[in-house]
Amino acid sequence: MPHAIRLRHPWQCQACDGGARWQRTFNWPAGLIAGESARLVIEGLPPTATVEFNDQSIVEGIADHFDITPTLAPYNRLAIIIAGAEPSDQTECPYDVRLEIVES
């Protein structure tokens, strides 16, 4: 059973080229040890989504989980870019976003 860490507010949303960019930072997951992996899970992504982790694109289109262990750093930045979306001043991301710590 994975240990889940929900990435709730504070998110920032801003206009980007043709859509909206939701962005949030977070630190290294406490308790992550050798033999475990960090999996990023995002539920409800539309097909127009692009996900960036630490300034690297990790997916375009529909997917719901990504192994981020190789690029995990002490300080991390996650961005979800939605083409055609309107920016919002909300601090809650419209998608269910969490880290899952699982045995490798």
N, C-alpha and C. Protein backbone atom coordinates (compact mmCIF):
# COMPACT_ATOMS: atom_id res chain seq x y z
N MET A 1 0.85 -1.18 0.00
CA MET A 1 0.00 0.00 0.00
C MET A 1 0.89 1.24 0.00
N PRO A 2 0.72 2.14 -0.95
CA PRO A 2 1.57 3.34 -1.00
C PRO A 2 1.22 4.33 0.11
N HIS A 3 2.22 5.09 0.51
CA HIS A 3 2.01 6.21 1.43
C HIS A 3 1.74 7.44 0.56
N ALA A 4 0.59 8.09 0.74
CA ALA A 4 0.20 9.21 -0.11
C ALA A 4 0.43 10.54 0.59
N ILE A 5 0.96 11.51 -0.16
CA ILE A 5 1.15 12.88 0.30
C ILE A 5 0.39 13.78 -0.68
N ARG A 6 -0.69 14.36 -0.23
CA ARG A 6 -1.50 15.21 -1.10
C ARG A 6 -0.83 16.57 -1.29
N LEU A 7 -0.81 17.02 -2.54
CA LEU A 7 -0.24 18.34 -2.87
C LEU A 7 -1.39 19.32 -3.05
N ARG A 8 -1.88 19.79 -1.93
CA ARG A 8 -2.98 20.76 -1.94
C ARG A 8 -2.40 22.16 -2.02
N HIS A 9 -3.20 23.17 -1.68
CA HIS A 9 -2.73 24.55 -1.79
C HIS A 9 -1.47 24.77 -0.96
N PRO A 10 -0.65 25.71 -1.29
CA PRO A 10 -0.90 26.80 -2.22
C PRO A 10 -0.36 26.51 -3.61
N TRP A 11 -1.21 26.62 -4.59
CA TRP A 11 -0.85 26.58 -6.00
C TRP A 11 -0.93 28.00 -6.53
N GLN A 12 -0.16 28.28 -7.56
CA GLN A 12 -0.27 29.56 -8.25
C GLN A 12 -0.72 29.26 -9.67
N CYS A 13 -1.61 30.09 -10.18
CA CYS A 13 -2.07 29.92 -11.55
C CYS A 13 -1.81 31.22 -12.30
N GLN A 14 -1.25 31.08 -13.49
CA GLN A 14 -0.97 32.24 -14.30
C GLN A 14 -1.22 31.92 -15.77
N ALA A 15 -1.44 32.97 -16.53
CA ALA A 15 -1.62 32.79 -17.97
C ALA A 15 -0.30 32.36 -18.57
N CYS A 16 -0.38 31.48 -19.54
CA CYS A 16 0.80 31.10 -20.30
C CYS A 16 0.40 31.07 -21.77
N ASP A 17 1.30 30.75 -22.62
CA ASP A 17 1.06 30.78 -24.06
C ASP A 17 -0.16 29.92 -24.43
N GLY A 18 -1.31 30.57 -24.57
CA GLY A 18 -2.51 29.87 -25.01
C GLY A 18 -3.24 29.08 -23.95
N GLY A 19 -3.01 29.35 -22.67
CA GLY A 19 -3.70 28.59 -21.64
C GLY A 19 -3.37 29.05 -20.24
N ALA A 20 -3.43 28.11 -19.31
CA ALA A 20 -3.16 28.40 -17.90
C ALA A 20 -2.10 27.44 -17.38
N ARG A 21 -1.27 27.94 -16.47
CA ARG A 21 -0.19 27.16 -15.87
C ARG A 21 -0.39 27.15 -14.36
N TRP A 22 -0.66 25.96 -13.82
CA TRP A 22 -0.75 25.77 -12.37
C TRP A 22 0.63 25.32 -11.89
N GLN A 23 1.15 25.98 -10.85
CA GLN A 23 2.51 25.67 -10.39
C GLN A 23 2.55 25.59 -8.87
N ARG A 24 3.36 24.66 -8.36
CA ARG A 24 3.53 24.49 -6.93
C ARG A 24 4.92 23.96 -6.65
N THR A 25 5.48 24.35 -5.53
CA THR A 25 6.77 23.81 -5.10
C THR A 25 6.55 22.90 -3.90
N PHE A 26 7.51 21.99 -3.70
CA PHE A 26 7.48 21.14 -2.51
C PHE A 26 8.89 20.61 -2.26
N ASN A 27 9.13 20.22 -1.03
CA ASN A 27 10.44 19.70 -0.63
C ASN A 27 10.51 18.19 -0.82
N TRP A 28 11.73 17.67 -0.64
CA TRP A 28 11.96 16.22 -0.68
C TRP A 28 10.97 15.56 0.29
N PRO A 29 10.30 14.48 -0.13
CA PRO A 29 9.34 13.81 0.77
C PRO A 29 10.05 13.22 1.99
N ALA A 30 9.62 13.64 3.16
CA ALA A 30 10.21 13.13 4.41
C ALA A 30 9.99 11.62 4.48
N GLY A 31 11.00 10.91 4.87
CA GLY A 31 10.89 9.48 5.05
C GLY A 31 11.19 8.65 3.82
N LEU A 32 11.45 9.27 2.66
CA LEU A 32 11.79 8.51 1.46
C LEU A 32 13.17 7.90 1.66
N ILE A 33 13.27 6.58 1.57
CA ILE A 33 14.53 5.88 1.83
C ILE A 33 14.93 5.03 0.61
N ALA A 34 16.14 4.53 0.66
CA ALA A 34 16.61 3.64 -0.41
C ALA A 34 15.65 2.47 -0.53
N GLY A 35 15.39 2.05 -1.75
CA GLY A 35 14.46 0.95 -1.99
C GLY A 35 13.02 1.41 -2.18
N GLU A 36 12.80 2.72 -2.11
CA GLU A 36 11.47 3.27 -2.34
C GLU A 36 11.50 4.22 -3.53
N SER A 37 10.35 4.40 -4.15
CA SER A 37 10.22 5.31 -5.28
C SER A 37 9.14 6.34 -4.98
N ALA A 38 9.28 7.50 -5.62
CA ALA A 38 8.26 8.55 -5.52
C ALA A 38 7.51 8.58 -6.84
N ARG A 39 6.21 8.43 -6.75
CA ARG A 39 5.35 8.43 -7.93
C ARG A 39 4.42 9.63 -7.84
N LEU A 40 4.39 10.44 -8.87
CA LEU A 40 3.49 11.58 -8.95
C LEU A 40 2.19 11.10 -9.59
N VAL A 41 1.07 11.34 -8.91
CA VAL A 41 -0.24 10.91 -9.41
C VAL A 41 -1.10 12.16 -9.58
N ILE A 42 -1.65 12.33 -10.79
CA ILE A 42 -2.54 13.45 -11.09
C ILE A 42 -3.79 12.87 -11.73
N GLU A 43 -4.92 13.02 -11.04
CA GLU A 43 -6.18 12.48 -11.56
C GLU A 43 -6.99 13.57 -12.25
N GLY A 44 -7.58 13.21 -13.37
CA GLY A 44 -8.48 14.11 -14.07
C GLY A 44 -7.83 15.02 -15.10
N LEU A 45 -6.59 14.72 -15.49
CA LEU A 45 -5.94 15.57 -16.49
C LEU A 45 -6.66 15.49 -17.84
N PRO A 46 -6.88 16.64 -18.47
CA PRO A 46 -7.47 16.61 -19.81
C PRO A 46 -6.40 16.28 -20.85
N PRO A 47 -6.81 15.92 -22.06
CA PRO A 47 -5.85 15.57 -23.11
C PRO A 47 -4.94 16.73 -23.52
N THR A 48 -5.32 17.96 -23.17
CA THR A 48 -4.50 19.12 -23.53
C THR A 48 -3.43 19.43 -22.49
N ALA A 49 -3.26 18.57 -21.51
CA ALA A 49 -2.34 18.83 -20.40
C ALA A 49 -0.89 18.52 -20.75
N THR A 50 -0.01 19.34 -20.20
CA THR A 50 1.43 19.07 -20.20
C THR A 50 1.87 19.17 -18.75
N VAL A 51 2.66 18.22 -18.28
CA VAL A 51 3.15 18.23 -16.91
C VAL A 51 4.66 18.42 -16.94
N GLU A 52 5.14 19.39 -16.17
CA GLU A 52 6.58 19.63 -16.04
C GLU A 52 6.98 19.40 -14.59
N PHE A 53 8.11 18.74 -14.42
CA PHE A 53 8.65 18.52 -13.08
C PHE A 53 10.10 18.98 -13.10
N ASN A 54 10.41 19.93 -12.24
CA ASN A 54 11.75 20.53 -12.19
C ASN A 54 12.21 20.98 -13.58
N ASP A 55 11.30 21.69 -14.26
CA ASP A 55 11.55 22.31 -15.56
C ASP A 55 11.76 21.32 -16.70
N GLN A 56 11.38 20.06 -16.51
CA GLN A 56 11.46 19.07 -17.58
C GLN A 56 10.06 18.54 -17.86
N SER A 57 9.68 18.50 -19.13
CA SER A 57 8.38 17.96 -19.49
C SER A 57 8.39 16.45 -19.23
N ILE A 58 7.39 15.98 -18.49
CA ILE A 58 7.34 14.54 -18.23
C ILE A 58 6.19 13.85 -18.94
N VAL A 59 5.22 14.62 -19.42
CA VAL A 59 4.14 13.99 -20.19
C VAL A 59 3.36 15.07 -20.93
N GLU A 60 2.85 14.66 -22.04
CA GLU A 60 1.87 15.45 -22.77
C GLU A 60 0.73 14.51 -23.07
N GLY A 61 -0.48 14.94 -22.82
CA GLY A 61 -1.65 14.10 -23.06
C GLY A 61 -2.08 13.38 -21.80
N ILE A 62 -2.90 12.37 -21.98
CA ILE A 62 -3.52 11.70 -20.85
C ILE A 62 -2.58 10.66 -20.24
N ALA A 63 -2.33 10.80 -18.97
CA ALA A 63 -1.60 9.84 -18.14
C ALA A 63 -1.95 10.22 -16.72
N ASP A 64 -1.81 9.30 -15.78
CA ASP A 64 -2.19 9.67 -14.43
C ASP A 64 -1.10 9.45 -13.38
N HIS A 65 -0.01 8.78 -13.73
CA HIS A 65 1.06 8.64 -12.74
C HIS A 65 2.43 8.57 -13.44
N PHE A 66 3.43 9.10 -12.71
CA PHE A 66 4.76 9.26 -13.28
C PHE A 66 5.80 8.98 -12.19
N ASP A 67 6.82 8.20 -12.50
CA ASP A 67 7.91 7.97 -11.57
C ASP A 67 8.84 9.18 -11.63
N ILE A 68 8.92 9.93 -10.52
CA ILE A 68 9.77 11.13 -10.49
C ILE A 68 11.03 10.92 -9.66
N THR A 69 11.25 9.70 -9.20
CA THR A 69 12.40 9.41 -8.33
C THR A 69 13.73 9.88 -8.93
N PRO A 70 14.02 9.61 -10.22
CA PRO A 70 15.33 10.01 -10.77
C PRO A 70 15.57 11.51 -10.79
N THR A 71 14.52 12.31 -10.82
CA THR A 71 14.70 13.77 -10.92
C THR A 71 14.28 14.50 -9.65
N LEU A 72 13.95 13.76 -8.60
CA LEU A 72 13.56 14.35 -7.33
C LEU A 72 14.76 15.07 -6.71
N ALA A 73 14.53 16.26 -6.19
CA ALA A 73 15.59 17.09 -5.60
C ALA A 73 15.14 17.56 -4.22
N PRO A 74 16.06 18.15 -3.45
CA PRO A 74 15.65 18.68 -2.14
C PRO A 74 14.52 19.71 -2.24
N TYR A 75 14.51 20.48 -3.34
CA TYR A 75 13.48 21.49 -3.58
C TYR A 75 12.94 21.26 -4.99
N ASN A 76 11.62 21.07 -5.15
CA ASN A 76 11.04 20.65 -6.42
C ASN A 76 9.95 21.61 -6.89
N ARG A 77 9.78 21.68 -8.21
CA ARG A 77 8.75 22.52 -8.81
C ARG A 77 7.92 21.67 -9.78
N LEU A 78 6.61 21.69 -9.57
CA LEU A 78 5.67 20.96 -10.41
C LEU A 78 4.79 21.97 -11.12
N ALA A 79 4.58 21.78 -12.42
CA ALA A 79 3.69 22.64 -13.19
C ALA A 79 2.78 21.79 -14.05
N ILE A 80 1.51 22.21 -14.11
CA ILE A 80 0.52 21.57 -14.97
C ILE A 80 0.02 22.66 -15.91
N ILE A 81 0.26 22.47 -17.19
CA ILE A 81 -0.11 23.46 -18.20
C ILE A 81 -1.30 22.91 -18.98
N ILE A 82 -2.36 23.72 -19.04
CA ILE A 82 -3.57 23.31 -19.74
C ILE A 82 -3.83 24.28 -20.88
N ALA A 83 -3.67 23.79 -22.10
CA ALA A 83 -3.92 24.61 -23.29
C ALA A 83 -5.40 24.97 -23.35
N GLY A 84 -5.68 26.23 -23.65
CA GLY A 84 -7.05 26.68 -23.80
C GLY A 84 -7.77 27.00 -22.51
N ALA A 85 -7.13 26.78 -21.36
CA ALA A 85 -7.77 27.06 -20.07
C ALA A 85 -7.60 28.53 -19.70
N GLU A 86 -8.52 29.02 -18.90
CA GLU A 86 -8.43 30.38 -18.40
C GLU A 86 -7.70 30.38 -17.06
N PRO A 87 -6.78 31.33 -16.84
CA PRO A 87 -6.11 31.40 -15.54
C PRO A 87 -7.10 31.74 -14.43
N SER A 88 -6.75 31.38 -13.22
CA SER A 88 -7.61 31.57 -12.06
C SER A 88 -6.80 32.16 -10.92
N ASP A 89 -7.47 32.81 -9.99
CA ASP A 89 -6.78 33.31 -8.80
C ASP A 89 -6.94 32.35 -7.62
N GLN A 90 -7.47 31.16 -7.88
CA GLN A 90 -7.63 30.15 -6.83
C GLN A 90 -6.27 29.58 -6.43
N THR A 91 -6.14 29.17 -5.17
CA THR A 91 -4.89 28.56 -4.71
C THR A 91 -5.01 27.04 -4.63
N GLU A 92 -6.14 26.50 -5.04
CA GLU A 92 -6.37 25.05 -5.05
C GLU A 92 -6.35 24.58 -6.50
N CYS A 93 -5.51 23.61 -6.80
CA CYS A 93 -5.42 23.06 -8.16
C CYS A 93 -6.73 22.33 -8.49
N PRO A 94 -7.21 22.43 -9.73
CA PRO A 94 -8.46 21.77 -10.09
C PRO A 94 -8.32 20.24 -10.27
N TYR A 95 -7.14 19.70 -10.07
CA TYR A 95 -6.90 18.27 -10.23
C TYR A 95 -6.45 17.68 -8.90
N ASP A 96 -6.71 16.40 -8.71
CA ASP A 96 -6.26 15.69 -7.51
C ASP A 96 -4.79 15.32 -7.74
N VAL A 97 -3.87 15.94 -6.99
CA VAL A 97 -2.44 15.75 -7.18
C VAL A 97 -1.84 15.21 -5.88
N ARG A 98 -1.06 14.15 -6.00
CA ARG A 98 -0.43 13.58 -4.80
C ARG A 98 0.87 12.86 -5.18
N LEU A 99 1.72 12.71 -4.17
CA LEU A 99 2.91 11.86 -4.29
C LEU A 99 2.58 10.57 -3.60
N GLU A 100 3.01 9.47 -4.20
CA GLU A 100 2.87 8.17 -3.55
C GLU A 100 4.27 7.59 -3.38
N ILE A 101 4.57 7.20 -2.17
CA ILE A 101 5.85 6.56 -1.87
C ILE A 101 5.59 5.06 -1.89
N VAL A 102 6.28 4.36 -2.79
CA VAL A 102 6.07 2.92 -2.96
C VAL A 102 7.40 2.18 -2.92
N GLU A 103 7.35 0.91 -2.56
CA GLU A 103 8.55 0.10 -2.60
C GLU A 103 8.94 -0.13 -4.05
N SER A 104 10.25 -0.01 -4.32
CA SER A 104 10.74 -0.20 -5.70
C SER A 104 10.77 -1.65 -6.10
